[in-house]
Every structure is written in C-alpha cells, then in structure tokens.
C-alpha cells in the first residue's frame, strides 16, 4: 500500500479519544477508502464497512432508522464482521448518497459503543446539508492527491534524503549536487505522473511506462467529466465547459481564466456557483488575485480575477498532447511549461493548507503566488520553469516598495538553494515543505493512443 500522510491524521484522531466521529472528504479516486481500511486493519479488532452508493438497500435502511439503537441494529444486519463495543470501527462510505444520515452522528458518538469514520466524495455532496450537524460531533479532514513528498516515498526516496533537503532549505545551504540532480529528475516524473494513487501504482507496476499511465489518467478525466453531468444538476453543461476550458485557459495569455470563454453572455456573477462546484468537488483549485501584497490577503482578494488550476498535475498533463509530457520529463526548452509548473506549486501549497492567491504588480507583471505568514506579513513566490530564473521584476517591485513591508521573497526554479539579497532561490522539488520553511499561515488546514516512452526515477 502507498504511504499516505492522512494515516497520521487518522492515528492522531484515534489516540486523542475526543469522542467524535471522523469525517473524511475529498475528490474521487484519491485513496480515501484505501487509507481508512488500512488504518482499521492496524488499529481495530473488528471493522465494518458499508458503501452507501454500492449498497442501496443498506443506504435506504440506515436512512429510515428511528433512533441510535435502531441505526446500530440495521448496521449489524449488513455487517460482515462481528461488532464488538469498544473494539470496532464502523466506516460509512459515500455519505453524500444519504446526507440525512449525518444528522444521526451526534447521537451515535454520544452512545459511545463504536468509533465511526464517514467518508464522501465531494462530487454530488450537498455540503451545506452534510455540515448541518453540530460541529462538536465530528473531526473533519480533507484529503487530496499525493503530494510530491508522498510520491517520493512511493518511488523509494529515503526519508533521510528528504530531511536533508528540508534542512538545507531552512539553513540556505546548497543540496548535494548528486541529490539535487536526482530530485529534479524525480520532479519531472511527478509532473507527468501526478498524485492519483492508482496512477502512481500503475507507474510503479509498469516500471515507468508512461503510455499506460497516460491511458489511466485520461480515463479518470473522462470519469470526472461524467460525474459533472451526473451530479451538477441543471448547471452540468456550464460546469463541464469550465472543466473543458481549463487547460487552454492556463496557457493562454496571462493564465487568468476568461469567463467569457465558456459561452456567450457568461459572467462571473452568473457562473460563480459552477466554479465553486468544481473546487468543492476537489477537481479544481481557484487562485484569486489580490490588489495589495499585504496581510491578511483575503481582505483585498478579487474573486472575479482568478486562475483555475487542476487539482492534480498529472491529470492536467494528460489533457495536453503527448509531446508536452515528453518535453516535461526530458527537460526540453520548448514548449513553455510555465503554467504546468505553476499548477504543480498550486497543488503543493493546497496540500499544505495554504490559501491560494496571486498578485499583479503594476507595470511589473505578476507574482505567481503570495501567502500570509505566521508573523502577519506575506511571502511572495515566483515560479520559473526555464533556465533563466534570475530575472523576476514583479517580485523585485514588491520588495522595493516600502509601503508593502515585505522583506523577503522566494523564487522556485531549477536552481540549487542559495540567497541573493532579499531573494532566496529554492529548487522546485522543495515545494512540499514550503509551509515549514517559510512559516506560512495555513487557515485551510482542517483538524483537521499515445506513443510509449519510459522514464526512470532516482531513489536517492
């Protein structure tokens, strides 16, 4: 089984003995059910799983329960293992199919006989309805695709190597060149493979054959599109059009999403819920523009001005021609891969719970990302995909503006770790630990037909 960070969150919930259920949300196919099953196998003597999508009779029976004891009795009817009070985890999967079951949670945890984990794909979830139960009844966690660190675990990179990289970034000392080169190769693999667990596993099983990987990614993208038609109701066509436009919008012009591209007469005010649906579904990551590089960034956020990234870089890469994926892995200078590297950083920041913003510096261009820090300031980031990474006019303008009170900036590039004045250059592969390195504030952390070509990885 692929190692996931969510396992540590589940263990912390178990050992805290809070008397709450755990509610795990996230997009489909990111490994929620798998990680819960493995957690249950290690931590409980008995495990009961009921999938409310696949087991429709069970879903109807549980929804009709009158009280706690009746609910538990109905679970027992469908259980395939004995239910032992104090030793059993009950896992209700795909709860979006019967959201009213959530109203029973506060009574189930008060009863105290069993531990409960509930999970649901955000696709089709009526979030307001699901979250109408008392907050004190659950601990909620959001799961995302595998980040780059988890990908490194999967391909055999040693924990000591990752620790060394983190410490080098903190102390601003170069990473060993052998490790640096190997990790840049691994990062390029991640650009193409991404973090969907099934895709990563196929990458491992097929020994780097990206034709097989790409076929699976394209199938998952098709499934996402079908889910939109199934769950987005009378806004399905508009939401599908946004999803279809996403790859082109990222590489077109400034990368800002032009709402007019989704249809004649389209306006953000009219289509706002369509964008929100994709984000709540875990399919897209919305990055709002701010008018000032000052904390708190949310204060000057402009929702109608935004970029829209896909939540998994591999899934996005599969929507471009095969030649783009080949160029990304082989480190070819053409085509321009800047937008794809930005998507990767958006994914890494989101995985660390960082709210996504960017800033347009007047006459100086764009600061790709900007984040609040724990010290009440902001940290600007620029992402450079090419070999020229010492030119960064936008971030220089922010640092030179005394009214902004920004003392430092980060450039993520192919460079090794180094500092030049107010700029620190970090290798892009270090993006998985930016929150720790830069002391970023993380308010989003919730208590939380293609030609074959083969790649290699470096288990440094």
Protein backbone atom coordinates (compact mmCIF):
# COMPACT_ATOMS: atom_id res chain seq x y z
CA UNK A 1 0.00 0.00 0.00
CA UNK A 2 1.19 3.52 -0.81
CA UNK A 3 2.16 5.51 2.26
CA UNK A 4 -0.13 8.49 2.87
CA UNK A 5 0.10 11.40 5.29
CA UNK A 6 -3.58 11.02 6.08
CA UNK A 7 -2.72 7.87 8.06
CA UNK A 8 -1.03 10.05 10.68
CA UNK A 9 -4.15 12.22 10.95
CA UNK A 10 -6.30 9.13 11.46
CA UNK A 11 -3.95 7.83 14.13
CA UNK A 12 -4.00 11.21 15.90
CA UNK A 13 -7.81 11.17 15.90
CA UNK A 14 -7.85 7.64 17.30
CA UNK A 15 -5.39 8.37 20.09
CA UNK A 16 -6.91 11.71 21.07
CA UNK A 17 -10.08 9.96 22.29
CA UNK A 18 -12.15 13.04 21.54
CA UNK A 19 -15.43 11.14 21.44
CA UNK A 20 -16.07 12.47 17.92
CA UNK A 21 -16.63 10.78 14.60
CA UNK A 22 -14.17 11.48 11.80
CA UNK A 23 -15.49 12.84 8.51
CA UNK A 24 -13.05 12.48 5.59
CA UNK A 25 -13.85 14.38 2.39
CA UNK A 26 -12.09 14.76 -0.93
CA UNK A 27 -12.35 14.09 -4.65
CA UNK A 28 -12.98 10.63 -6.01
CA UNK A 29 -10.11 8.20 -6.64
CA UNK A 30 -7.63 9.86 -4.26
CA UNK A 31 -7.41 6.92 -1.86
CA UNK A 32 -9.82 7.80 0.96
CA UNK A 33 -11.34 4.33 1.33
CA UNK A 34 -8.00 2.58 0.98
CA UNK A 35 -6.33 4.57 3.74
CA UNK A 36 -9.30 4.06 6.08
CA UNK A 37 -9.31 0.29 5.53
CA UNK A 38 -5.60 0.02 6.24
CA UNK A 39 -5.96 2.19 9.33
CA UNK A 40 -8.79 -0.03 10.59
CA UNK A 41 -6.78 -3.19 9.95
CA UNK A 42 -3.93 -1.89 12.10
CA UNK A 43 -5.89 -0.26 14.91
CA UNK A 44 -9.11 -2.25 15.47
CA UNK A 45 -10.07 -5.83 16.18
CA UNK A 46 -13.20 -5.53 14.06
CA UNK A 47 -14.10 -3.43 11.04
CA UNK A 48 -17.49 -2.84 9.40
CA UNK A 49 -17.70 -1.03 6.05
CA UNK A 50 -20.90 -0.02 4.29
CA UNK A 51 -20.74 1.79 0.96
CA UNK A 52 -23.94 3.80 0.62
CA UNK A 53 -23.54 4.09 -3.15
CA UNK A 54 -22.92 0.43 -3.91
CA UNK A 55 -25.21 -0.99 -1.23
CA UNK A 56 -28.51 0.76 -1.92
CA UNK A 57 -30.60 -1.49 0.37
CA UNK A 58 -28.28 -0.62 3.28
CA UNK A 59 -28.45 3.08 2.41
CA UNK A 60 -32.24 3.05 2.44
CA UNK A 61 -32.37 1.03 5.65
CA UNK A 62 -30.00 3.33 7.54
CA UNK A 63 -31.76 6.45 6.33
CA UNK A 64 -35.03 5.11 7.74
CA UNK A 65 -33.67 4.39 11.24
CA UNK A 66 -35.72 5.94 14.05
CA UNK A 67 -33.05 6.17 16.75
CA UNK A 68 -29.50 5.19 17.66
CA UNK A 69 -30.23 1.63 18.68
CA UNK A 70 -32.33 1.08 15.59
CA UNK A 71 -29.49 2.53 13.46
CA UNK A 72 -26.89 0.22 15.05
CA UNK A 73 -29.18 -2.78 14.65
CA UNK A 74 -29.58 -2.01 10.97
CA UNK A 75 -25.81 -1.70 10.55
CA UNK A 76 -25.46 -5.13 12.14
CA UNK A 77 -27.80 -6.58 9.53
CA UNK A 78 -25.38 -5.61 6.76
CA UNK A 79 -22.11 -6.15 8.66
CA UNK A 80 -19.75 -8.89 7.53
CA UNK A 81 -17.81 -8.90 10.81
CA UNK A 82 -18.87 -9.07 14.47
CA UNK A 83 -19.47 -5.69 16.11
CA UNK A 84 -17.63 -5.54 19.44
CA UNK A 85 -18.25 -2.42 21.55
CA UNK A 86 -15.02 -0.50 22.09
CA UNK A 87 -13.12 -2.58 19.53
CA UNK A 88 -14.93 -1.91 16.27
CA UNK A 89 -14.60 0.81 13.67
CA UNK A 90 -17.70 1.44 11.57
CA UNK A 91 -16.95 3.03 8.20
CA UNK A 92 -19.81 4.59 6.23
CA UNK A 93 -18.55 5.42 2.75
CA UNK A 94 -20.10 7.72 0.11
CA UNK A 95 -22.31 9.50 2.63
CA UNK A 96 -23.27 12.08 0.04
CA UNK A 97 -25.74 9.48 -1.23
CA UNK A 98 -27.71 9.73 2.03
CA UNK A 99 -26.71 13.06 3.65
CA UNK A 100 -29.52 12.86 6.20
CA UNK A 101 -27.61 10.05 7.88
CA UNK A 102 -25.22 12.72 9.13
CA UNK A 103 -27.92 14.02 11.47
CA UNK A 104 -27.58 10.75 13.40
CA UNK A 105 -23.86 11.25 14.07
CA UNK A 106 -24.18 13.29 17.26
CA UNK A 107 -26.34 10.57 18.80
CA UNK A 108 -24.03 7.77 17.66
CA UNK A 109 -20.93 9.35 19.21
CA UNK A 110 -22.89 10.10 22.40
CA UNK A 111 -23.86 6.41 22.56
CA UNK A 112 -20.14 5.61 22.59
CA UNK A 113 -20.24 1.90 21.71
CA UNK A 114 -18.28 2.19 18.47
CA UNK A 115 -15.92 4.50 16.61
CA UNK A 116 -17.19 5.99 13.35
CA UNK A 117 -15.46 7.20 10.21
CA UNK A 118 -17.57 8.69 7.44
CA UNK A 119 -16.29 9.49 4.01
CA UNK A 120 -17.67 11.05 0.90
CA UNK A 121 -16.61 12.27 -2.46
CA UNK A 122 -17.29 15.99 -2.79
CA UNK A 123 -18.81 15.15 -6.15
CA UNK A 124 -22.54 15.49 -5.64
CA UNK A 125 -22.24 16.35 -1.96
CA UNK A 126 -24.72 18.88 -0.67
CA UNK A 127 -22.12 20.50 1.54
CA UNK A 128 -24.45 22.75 3.47
CA UNK A 129 -26.75 19.86 4.25
CA UNK A 130 -23.98 17.47 5.21
CA UNK A 131 -22.42 20.03 7.51
CA UNK A 132 -25.65 20.98 9.26
CA UNK A 133 -24.95 18.68 12.20
CA UNK A 134 -23.39 20.18 15.37
CA UNK A 135 -19.71 20.94 14.85
CA UNK A 136 -18.81 19.27 18.13
CA UNK A 137 -19.80 15.86 16.82
CA UNK A 138 -17.08 15.38 14.20
CA UNK A 139 -13.46 15.97 13.36
CA UNK A 140 -13.26 16.84 9.67
CA UNK A 141 -10.30 16.16 7.39
CA UNK A 142 -9.84 16.88 3.69
CA UNK A 143 -7.72 14.51 1.62
CA UNK A 144 -6.02 15.46 -1.65
CA UNK A 145 -3.94 13.67 -4.29
CA UNK A 146 -0.48 12.55 -3.26
CA UNK A 147 1.89 15.47 -2.92
CA UNK A 148 5.47 15.34 -4.13
CA UNK A 149 6.80 14.07 -0.80
CA UNK A 150 4.34 11.17 -0.84
CA UNK A 151 5.35 10.46 -4.44
CA UNK A 152 8.98 10.35 -3.30
CA UNK A 153 8.07 7.81 -0.62
CA UNK A 154 6.40 5.68 -3.30
CA UNK A 155 9.42 5.65 -5.64
CA UNK A 156 11.88 4.85 -2.85
CA UNK A 157 13.49 8.17 -1.91
CA UNK A 158 14.94 7.80 1.57
CA UNK A 159 13.45 9.72 4.48
CA UNK A 160 16.93 10.95 5.40
CA UNK A 161 17.28 12.49 1.95
CA UNK A 162 14.03 14.43 2.34
CA UNK A 163 15.08 15.57 5.81
CA UNK A 164 18.39 16.77 4.39
CA UNK A 165 16.61 18.78 1.70
CA UNK A 166 14.31 20.40 4.24
CA UNK A 167 17.24 21.35 6.47
CA UNK A 168 19.26 22.71 3.54
CA UNK A 169 16.35 24.98 2.64
CA UNK A 170 15.97 26.18 6.20
CA UNK A 171 19.67 26.94 6.58
CA UNK A 172 20.05 28.22 2.98
CA UNK A 173 22.87 25.83 2.16
CA UNK A 174 23.10 24.02 -1.19
CA UNK A 175 21.83 20.48 -1.54
CA UNK A 176 24.45 17.93 -2.59
CA UNK A 177 24.62 18.15 -6.41
CA UNK A 178 24.05 14.41 -6.87
CA UNK A 179 20.88 14.61 -4.77
CA UNK A 180 19.82 17.84 -6.48
CA UNK A 181 20.09 16.32 -9.97
CA UNK A 182 18.28 13.15 -8.92
CA UNK A 183 15.45 15.09 -7.29
CA UNK A 184 15.00 17.29 -10.35
CA UNK A 185 14.57 14.08 -12.37
CA UNK A 186 12.03 12.83 -9.85
CA UNK A 187 10.16 16.12 -10.01
CA UNK A 188 9.88 15.86 -13.78
CA UNK A 189 8.43 12.38 -13.35
CA UNK A 190 5.89 13.78 -10.90
CA UNK A 191 4.93 16.47 -13.41
CA UNK A 192 3.82 13.71 -15.76
CA UNK A 193 2.52 11.10 -13.29
CA UNK A 194 0.93 13.33 -10.66
CA UNK A 195 -0.51 12.11 -7.40
CA UNK A 196 -3.58 9.99 -8.10
CA UNK A 197 -2.81 6.78 -6.15
CA UNK A 198 -4.00 4.38 -8.85
CA UNK A 199 -1.89 6.24 -11.41
CA UNK A 200 1.19 6.21 -9.17
CA UNK A 201 0.75 2.49 -8.57
CA UNK A 202 0.49 1.82 -12.30
CA UNK A 203 3.63 3.92 -12.82
CA UNK A 204 5.43 1.64 -10.35
CA UNK A 205 3.95 -1.59 -11.72
CA UNK A 206 4.68 -0.67 -15.34
CA UNK A 207 8.27 0.38 -14.49
CA UNK A 208 7.87 3.93 -15.77
CA UNK A 209 5.86 3.21 -18.92
CA UNK A 210 4.02 6.48 -19.32
CA UNK A 211 1.75 5.28 -22.12
CA UNK A 212 -0.01 3.04 -19.59
CA UNK A 213 -0.03 5.85 -17.05
CA UNK A 214 -1.46 8.33 -19.52
CA UNK A 215 -4.25 5.98 -20.59
CA UNK A 216 -5.40 5.67 -16.97
CA UNK A 217 -5.22 9.43 -16.43
CA UNK A 218 -7.36 10.06 -19.49
CA UNK A 219 -9.92 7.55 -18.24
CA UNK A 220 -10.06 9.29 -14.85
CA UNK A 221 -10.55 12.63 -16.58
CA UNK A 222 -13.43 11.12 -18.53
CA UNK A 223 -14.93 9.87 -15.27
CA UNK A 224 -14.68 13.34 -13.75
CA UNK A 225 -16.49 14.78 -16.74
CA UNK A 226 -19.23 12.15 -16.45
CA UNK A 227 -19.56 12.90 -12.74
CA UNK A 228 -20.23 16.53 -13.59
CA UNK A 229 -23.13 15.50 -15.81
CA UNK A 230 -24.42 13.23 -13.05
CA UNK A 231 -24.08 15.47 -10.00
CA UNK A 232 -24.03 19.11 -11.13
CA UNK A 233 -27.77 19.18 -11.85
CA UNK A 234 -29.12 21.81 -14.21
CA UNK A 235 -25.70 23.51 -14.29
CA UNK A 236 -23.91 20.46 -15.71
CA UNK A 237 -23.31 21.90 -19.18
CA UNK A 238 -21.83 25.14 -17.84
CA UNK A 239 -19.65 23.27 -15.33
CA UNK A 240 -18.42 20.85 -17.99
CA UNK A 241 -17.48 23.77 -20.22
CA UNK A 242 -15.35 25.28 -17.45
CA UNK A 243 -13.65 21.92 -16.94
CA UNK A 244 -13.06 21.61 -20.69
CA UNK A 245 -11.64 25.14 -20.94
CA UNK A 246 -9.24 24.81 -18.00
CA UNK A 247 -6.14 23.51 -19.88
CA UNK A 248 -6.37 26.14 -22.61
CA UNK A 249 -7.02 28.98 -20.20
CA UNK A 250 -3.91 28.18 -18.17
CA UNK A 251 -1.57 28.57 -21.11
CA UNK A 252 -3.43 31.38 -22.88
CA UNK A 253 -2.07 34.87 -22.30
CA UNK A 254 -1.62 35.64 -18.60
CA UNK A 255 -3.26 32.40 -17.49
CA UNK A 256 -6.13 34.25 -15.90
CA UNK A 257 -9.42 32.46 -16.54
CA UNK A 258 -11.56 34.38 -19.02
CA UNK A 259 -15.14 33.64 -18.00
CA UNK A 260 -16.33 34.72 -21.47
CA UNK A 261 -14.64 31.60 -22.88
CA UNK A 262 -17.35 29.32 -21.51
CA UNK A 263 -20.16 30.80 -23.58
CA UNK A 264 -21.83 33.87 -24.96
CA UNK A 265 -23.13 36.10 -22.20
CA UNK A 266 -21.19 34.27 -19.47
CA UNK A 267 -20.40 36.41 -16.45
CA UNK A 268 -18.68 35.52 -13.22
CA UNK A 269 -21.72 36.58 -11.18
CA UNK A 270 -23.86 34.15 -13.15
CA UNK A 271 -21.38 31.29 -13.18
CA UNK A 272 -19.79 31.65 -9.75
CA UNK A 273 -21.52 28.53 -8.39
CA UNK A 274 -20.21 26.49 -11.33
CA UNK A 275 -16.62 27.36 -10.43
CA UNK A 276 -17.39 26.72 -6.77
CA UNK A 277 -18.78 23.29 -7.62
CA UNK A 278 -15.53 22.26 -9.31
CA UNK A 279 -13.49 23.47 -6.34
CA UNK A 280 -15.75 21.82 -3.76
CA UNK A 281 -15.60 18.64 -5.83
CA UNK A 282 -11.83 18.63 -5.44
CA UNK A 283 -11.36 18.89 -9.22
CA UNK A 284 -10.04 22.46 -9.44
CA UNK A 285 -8.01 24.94 -7.39
CA UNK A 286 -9.06 28.58 -7.63
CA UNK A 287 -6.34 31.20 -7.10
CA UNK A 288 -7.72 34.70 -6.54
CA UNK A 289 -5.93 37.93 -7.40
CA UNK A 290 -5.21 40.40 -4.57
CA UNK A 291 -4.91 44.15 -5.04
CA UNK A 292 -2.31 44.61 -2.30
CA UNK A 293 0.56 42.39 -1.14
CA UNK A 294 -0.42 42.89 2.48
CA UNK A 295 -1.71 40.55 5.17
CA UNK A 296 -4.41 39.41 5.52
CA UNK A 297 -4.54 38.74 1.80
CA UNK A 298 -8.19 37.76 1.90
CA UNK A 299 -9.05 41.39 2.62
CA UNK A 300 -8.22 42.54 -0.94
CA UNK A 301 -8.98 39.33 -2.78
CA UNK A 302 -10.88 39.85 -6.05
CA UNK A 303 -12.93 36.76 -6.83
CA UNK A 304 -13.74 37.72 -10.47
CA UNK A 305 -9.99 37.87 -11.21
CA UNK A 306 -8.55 34.41 -10.79
CA UNK A 307 -6.63 31.50 -12.21
CA UNK A 308 -8.04 27.99 -12.22
CA UNK A 309 -5.67 25.07 -11.79
CA UNK A 310 -6.49 21.36 -11.87
CA UNK A 311 -6.12 19.62 -8.53
CA UNK A 312 -3.67 17.05 -9.88
CA UNK A 313 -0.80 17.95 -12.19
CA UNK A 314 -0.69 14.51 -13.80
CA UNK A 315 -4.38 14.64 -14.67
CA UNK A 316 -3.82 18.07 -16.22
CA UNK A 317 -0.75 16.92 -18.14
CA UNK A 318 -2.78 14.10 -19.69
CA UNK A 319 -5.07 16.70 -21.28
CA UNK A 320 -2.24 18.16 -23.35
CA UNK A 321 -0.53 16.46 -26.33
CA UNK A 322 1.87 13.62 -25.58
CA UNK A 323 4.71 15.84 -26.80
CA UNK A 324 4.10 18.16 -23.84
CA UNK A 325 4.56 15.32 -21.36
CA UNK A 326 7.68 14.19 -23.18
CA UNK A 327 9.11 17.71 -23.08
CA UNK A 328 8.35 17.98 -19.37
CA UNK A 329 10.19 14.79 -18.49
CA UNK A 330 13.07 15.24 -20.93
CA UNK A 331 13.53 18.87 -19.81
CA UNK A 332 13.24 20.24 -23.33
CA UNK A 333 13.18 24.06 -23.55
CA UNK A 334 10.16 24.04 -25.86
CA UNK A 335 7.24 24.25 -25.31
CA UNK A 336 6.88 26.76 -22.46
CA UNK A 337 5.92 24.73 -19.39
CA UNK A 338 5.50 27.66 -17.01
CA UNK A 339 1.78 27.16 -16.46
CA UNK A 340 2.29 23.47 -15.65
CA UNK A 341 4.94 24.26 -13.06
CA UNK A 342 2.58 26.82 -11.57
CA UNK A 343 -0.12 24.15 -11.37
CA UNK A 344 2.31 21.92 -9.50
CA UNK A 345 3.05 24.65 -6.95
CA UNK A 346 -0.66 25.39 -6.52
CA UNK A 347 -1.20 21.70 -5.78
CA UNK A 348 1.66 21.59 -3.28
CA UNK A 349 0.51 24.73 -1.43
CA UNK A 350 -3.08 23.45 -1.29
CA UNK A 351 -1.85 20.15 0.14
CA UNK A 352 -0.24 22.15 2.96
CA UNK A 353 -3.48 24.02 3.65
CA UNK A 354 -2.28 27.33 2.20
CA UNK A 355 -4.88 29.65 0.69
CA UNK A 356 -4.06 30.40 -2.94
CA UNK A 357 -3.55 33.98 -4.12
CA UNK A 358 -1.52 35.81 -6.74
CA UNK A 359 -0.66 39.49 -7.15
CA UNK A 360 -0.34 41.74 -10.19
CA UNK A 361 2.42 44.31 -9.70
CA UNK A 362 1.61 47.44 -11.71
CA UNK A 363 3.72 47.60 -14.87
CA UNK A 364 5.98 44.85 -13.49
CA UNK A 365 3.99 41.70 -14.16
CA UNK A 366 2.69 39.02 -11.90
CA UNK A 367 3.80 37.47 -8.64
CA UNK A 368 2.73 33.86 -9.23
CA UNK A 369 1.72 33.12 -5.63
CA UNK A 370 1.62 35.09 -2.41
CA UNK A 371 0.83 33.72 1.03
CA UNK A 372 0.21 35.01 4.54
CA UNK A 373 2.87 34.20 7.13
CA UNK A 374 2.52 33.44 10.81
CA UNK A 375 4.25 36.76 11.56
CA UNK A 376 1.46 38.77 9.95
CA UNK A 377 3.40 39.57 6.79
CA UNK A 378 3.28 37.96 3.34
CA UNK A 379 5.67 35.82 1.33
CA UNK A 380 5.74 36.27 -2.47
CA UNK A 381 6.70 33.35 -4.72
CA UNK A 382 7.70 33.27 -8.37
CA UNK A 383 7.85 30.01 -10.30
CA UNK A 384 10.45 29.62 -13.04
CA UNK A 385 10.38 26.59 -15.33
CA UNK A 386 13.24 27.53 -17.65
CA UNK A 387 16.95 28.05 -17.36
CA UNK A 388 16.65 31.81 -16.86
CA UNK A 389 15.47 32.30 -13.32
CA UNK A 390 17.43 35.33 -12.07
CA UNK A 391 15.01 37.80 -13.73
CA UNK A 392 11.95 38.42 -11.54
CA UNK A 393 10.76 42.01 -11.98
CA UNK A 394 7.39 41.53 -10.26
CA UNK A 395 8.78 40.17 -7.02
CA UNK A 396 11.56 42.79 -7.09
CA UNK A 397 8.91 45.53 -7.33
CA UNK A 398 7.11 44.22 -4.26
CA UNK A 399 10.34 44.03 -2.25
CA UNK A 400 11.34 47.55 -3.33
CA UNK A 401 8.00 49.07 -2.28
CA UNK A 402 8.48 50.12 1.34
CA UNK A 403 4.73 50.53 1.79
CA UNK A 404 4.29 46.77 1.32
CA UNK A 405 6.55 45.88 4.28
CA UNK A 406 7.70 42.69 2.53
CA UNK A 407 11.24 41.82 3.50
CA UNK A 408 11.86 38.62 1.58
CA UNK A 409 10.81 36.66 -1.50
CA UNK A 410 11.17 33.13 -2.85
CA UNK A 411 11.98 32.01 -6.41
CA UNK A 412 11.24 28.36 -7.14
CA UNK A 413 13.32 27.08 -10.04
CA UNK A 414 15.87 24.51 -11.18
CA UNK A 415 18.46 26.35 -9.09
CA UNK A 416 20.03 24.80 -6.04
CA UNK A 417 19.45 26.51 -2.69
CA UNK A 418 21.05 29.96 -2.50
CA UNK A 419 20.34 33.52 -1.35
CA UNK A 420 20.95 36.78 -3.15
CA UNK A 421 19.95 39.82 -1.12
CA UNK A 422 16.23 39.64 -0.36
CA UNK A 423 15.66 36.69 -2.70
CA UNK A 424 16.07 33.05 -1.72
CA UNK A 425 16.25 30.56 -4.57
CA UNK A 426 14.82 27.16 -3.75
CA UNK A 427 14.64 24.12 -6.02
CA UNK A 428 11.09 23.45 -7.18
CA UNK A 429 11.21 19.96 -5.66
CA UNK A 430 11.31 21.58 -2.20
CA UNK A 431 7.77 22.92 -2.65
CA UNK A 432 6.31 20.15 -0.49
CA UNK A 433 7.77 21.77 2.64
CA UNK A 434 7.25 25.48 1.89
CA UNK A 435 4.90 25.94 4.83
CA UNK A 436 7.61 24.85 7.28
CA UNK A 437 10.48 26.61 5.51
CA UNK A 438 8.68 29.94 5.15
CA UNK A 439 6.48 29.76 8.26
CA UNK A 440 3.33 30.20 6.20
CA UNK A 441 -0.08 30.55 7.80
CA UNK A 442 -2.39 27.67 6.94
CA UNK A 443 -6.01 28.60 7.67
CA UNK A 444 -7.25 25.88 5.30
CA UNK A 445 -5.82 23.07 7.40
CA UNK A 446 -8.84 21.32 8.86
CA UNK A 447 -8.43 19.35 12.02
CA UNK A 448 -8.04 18.88 10.57
CA UNK A 449 -3.32 6.19 -28.25
CA UNK A 450 -0.14 7.76 -27.24
CA UNK A 451 3.42 6.81 -28.12
CA UNK A 452 5.10 4.87 -25.37
CA UNK A 453 8.05 6.34 -23.61
CA UNK A 454 9.63 5.19 -20.37
CA UNK A 455 11.04 7.23 -17.52
CA UNK A 456 13.23 6.45 -14.57
CA UNK A 457 13.27 7.69 -11.00
CA UNK A 458 16.08 8.09 -8.53
CA UNK A 459 15.58 6.57 -5.06
CA UNK A 460 18.25 8.82 -3.58
